[in-house]
């Protein structure tokens, strides 16, 4: 499932990730599957909270 990237693009991304880690910035999670997973987690948590509040 890995996508082909040119070497320079790979090094560019890796350098950006490393600089973010060193600067203590949160990692960007902007891939579509990451956004879907985050939305699903929020939805599950919301339903759980609703269920607990009814009890």
N, C-alpha and C. Protein backbone atom coordinates (compact mmCIF):
# COMPACT_ATOMS: atom_id res chain seq x y z
N UNK A 1 0.82 -1.20 0.00
CA UNK A 1 0.00 0.00 0.00
C UNK A 1 0.86 1.27 0.00
N UNK A 2 2.18 1.08 -0.12
CA UNK A 2 3.04 2.25 -0.12
C UNK A 2 2.97 2.94 -1.47
N UNK A 3 3.02 4.24 -1.44
CA UNK A 3 2.97 5.02 -2.66
C UNK A 3 4.39 5.35 -3.08
N UNK A 4 4.65 5.31 -4.37
CA UNK A 4 5.98 5.61 -4.86
C UNK A 4 6.24 7.11 -4.73
N UNK A 5 7.39 7.45 -4.18
CA UNK A 5 7.81 8.84 -4.10
C UNK A 5 9.22 8.95 -4.65
N UNK A 6 9.52 10.04 -5.31
CA UNK A 6 10.89 10.25 -5.75
C UNK A 6 11.77 10.46 -4.53
N UNK A 7 13.06 10.20 -4.69
CA UNK A 7 13.99 10.31 -3.56
C UNK A 7 13.95 11.71 -2.96
N UNK A 8 13.99 12.74 -3.81
CA UNK A 8 14.04 14.10 -3.28
C UNK A 8 12.78 14.43 -2.49
N UNK A 9 11.63 13.98 -2.97
CA UNK A 9 10.38 14.23 -2.24
C UNK A 9 10.40 13.51 -0.91
N UNK A 10 10.94 12.30 -0.91
CA UNK A 10 11.03 11.52 0.33
C UNK A 10 11.90 12.24 1.35
N UNK A 11 13.07 12.71 0.90
CA UNK A 11 13.98 13.40 1.82
C UNK A 11 13.36 14.71 2.31
N UNK A 12 12.63 15.37 1.43
CA UNK A 12 11.97 16.63 1.80
C UNK A 12 10.95 16.39 2.92
N UNK A 13 10.14 15.35 2.75
CA UNK A 13 9.12 15.03 3.75
C UNK A 13 9.79 14.61 5.05
N UNK A 14 10.85 13.79 4.94
CA UNK A 14 11.53 13.32 6.14
C UNK A 14 12.17 14.47 6.90
N UNK A 15 12.75 15.42 6.17
CA UNK A 15 13.36 16.58 6.81
C UNK A 15 12.30 17.41 7.53
N UNK A 16 11.14 17.56 6.90
CA UNK A 16 10.05 18.33 7.52
C UNK A 16 9.57 17.64 8.79
N UNK A 17 9.42 16.32 8.72
CA UNK A 17 8.96 15.56 9.89
C UNK A 17 9.97 15.69 11.02
N UNK A 18 11.26 15.55 10.68
CA UNK A 18 12.30 15.66 11.71
C UNK A 18 12.31 17.04 12.34
N UNK A 19 12.17 18.08 11.52
CA UNK A 19 12.18 19.43 12.08
C UNK A 19 10.98 19.65 12.99
N UNK A 20 9.83 19.07 12.62
CA UNK A 20 8.65 19.18 13.47
C UNK A 20 8.86 18.46 14.80
N UNK A 21 9.49 17.29 14.74
CA UNK A 21 9.76 16.54 15.98
C UNK A 21 10.70 17.34 16.87
N UNK A 22 11.77 17.88 16.27
CA UNK A 22 12.75 18.63 17.05
C UNK A 22 12.14 19.90 17.62
N UNK A 23 11.23 20.52 16.88
CA UNK A 23 10.60 21.75 17.35
C UNK A 23 9.46 21.47 18.32
N UNK A 24 9.11 20.19 18.48
CA UNK A 24 8.04 19.83 19.40
C UNK A 24 6.66 20.13 18.85
N UNK A 25 6.55 20.27 17.54
CA UNK A 25 5.24 20.54 16.95
C UNK A 25 4.44 19.25 16.86
N UNK A 26 3.13 19.32 16.94
CA UNK A 26 2.33 18.11 16.73
C UNK A 26 2.45 17.67 15.28
N UNK A 27 2.39 16.37 15.08
CA UNK A 27 2.52 15.84 13.72
C UNK A 27 1.26 16.17 12.93
N UNK A 28 1.42 16.59 11.69
CA UNK A 28 0.23 16.85 10.87
C UNK A 28 -0.45 15.54 10.50
N UNK A 29 -1.74 15.45 10.77
CA UNK A 29 -2.49 14.24 10.41
C UNK A 29 -3.55 14.66 9.41
N UNK A 30 -3.13 14.84 8.19
CA UNK A 30 -4.09 15.36 7.22
C UNK A 30 -4.35 14.39 6.08
N UNK A 31 -3.87 13.15 6.20
CA UNK A 31 -4.22 12.18 5.16
C UNK A 31 -5.69 11.82 5.31
N UNK A 32 -6.37 11.54 4.21
CA UNK A 32 -7.83 11.25 4.30
C UNK A 32 -8.15 10.13 5.28
N UNK A 33 -7.35 9.06 5.30
CA UNK A 33 -7.66 7.96 6.22
C UNK A 33 -7.48 8.38 7.68
N UNK A 34 -6.52 9.28 7.95
CA UNK A 34 -6.34 9.77 9.32
C UNK A 34 -7.55 10.60 9.75
N UNK A 35 -8.04 11.43 8.84
CA UNK A 35 -9.21 12.27 9.15
C UNK A 35 -10.43 11.38 9.39
N UNK A 36 -10.60 10.35 8.56
CA UNK A 36 -11.73 9.43 8.74
C UNK A 36 -11.63 8.71 10.08
N UNK A 37 -10.42 8.26 10.43
CA UNK A 37 -10.25 7.56 11.71
C UNK A 37 -10.56 8.49 12.88
N UNK A 38 -10.11 9.72 12.80
CA UNK A 38 -10.36 10.68 13.88
C UNK A 38 -11.86 10.94 14.01
N UNK A 39 -12.54 11.09 12.87
CA UNK A 39 -13.99 11.32 12.91
C UNK A 39 -14.71 10.12 13.49
N UNK A 40 -14.28 8.92 13.12
CA UNK A 40 -14.91 7.71 13.65
C UNK A 40 -14.71 7.62 15.15
N UNK A 41 -13.50 7.92 15.63
CA UNK A 41 -13.25 7.89 17.08
C UNK A 41 -14.13 8.89 17.81
N UNK A 42 -14.26 10.09 17.24
CA UNK A 42 -15.12 11.11 17.87
C UNK A 42 -16.56 10.63 17.94
N UNK A 43 -17.03 10.03 16.85
CA UNK A 43 -18.41 9.56 16.79
C UNK A 43 -18.65 8.46 17.82
N UNK A 44 -17.71 7.52 17.92
CA UNK A 44 -17.83 6.43 18.90
C UNK A 44 -17.85 6.99 20.32
N UNK A 45 -16.97 7.93 20.59
CA UNK A 45 -16.90 8.54 21.92
C UNK A 45 -18.21 9.28 22.23
N UNK A 46 -18.75 9.99 21.24
CA UNK A 46 -20.00 10.73 21.44
C UNK A 46 -21.15 9.78 21.76
N UNK A 47 -21.24 8.67 21.02
CA UNK A 47 -22.30 7.69 21.28
C UNK A 47 -22.16 7.08 22.66
N UNK A 48 -20.91 6.81 23.07
CA UNK A 48 -20.68 6.22 24.39
C UNK A 48 -21.12 7.20 25.48
N UNK A 49 -20.81 8.47 25.29
CA UNK A 49 -21.21 9.48 26.27
C UNK A 49 -22.73 9.57 26.36
N UNK A 50 -23.41 9.53 25.21
CA UNK A 50 -24.88 9.58 25.21
C UNK A 50 -25.46 8.38 25.94
N UNK A 51 -24.90 7.20 25.67
CA UNK A 51 -25.39 5.98 26.29
C UNK A 51 -25.20 6.05 27.81
N UNK A 52 -24.04 6.55 28.25
CA UNK A 52 -23.78 6.64 29.69
C UNK A 52 -24.69 7.67 30.35
N UNK A 53 -25.01 8.75 29.64
CA UNK A 53 -25.86 9.78 30.24
C UNK A 53 -27.31 9.29 30.40
N UNK A 54 -27.74 8.35 29.56
CA UNK A 54 -29.10 7.82 29.66
C UNK A 54 -29.24 6.86 30.84
N UNK A 55 -28.15 6.22 31.21
CA UNK A 55 -28.22 5.22 32.29
C UNK A 55 -28.44 5.86 33.65
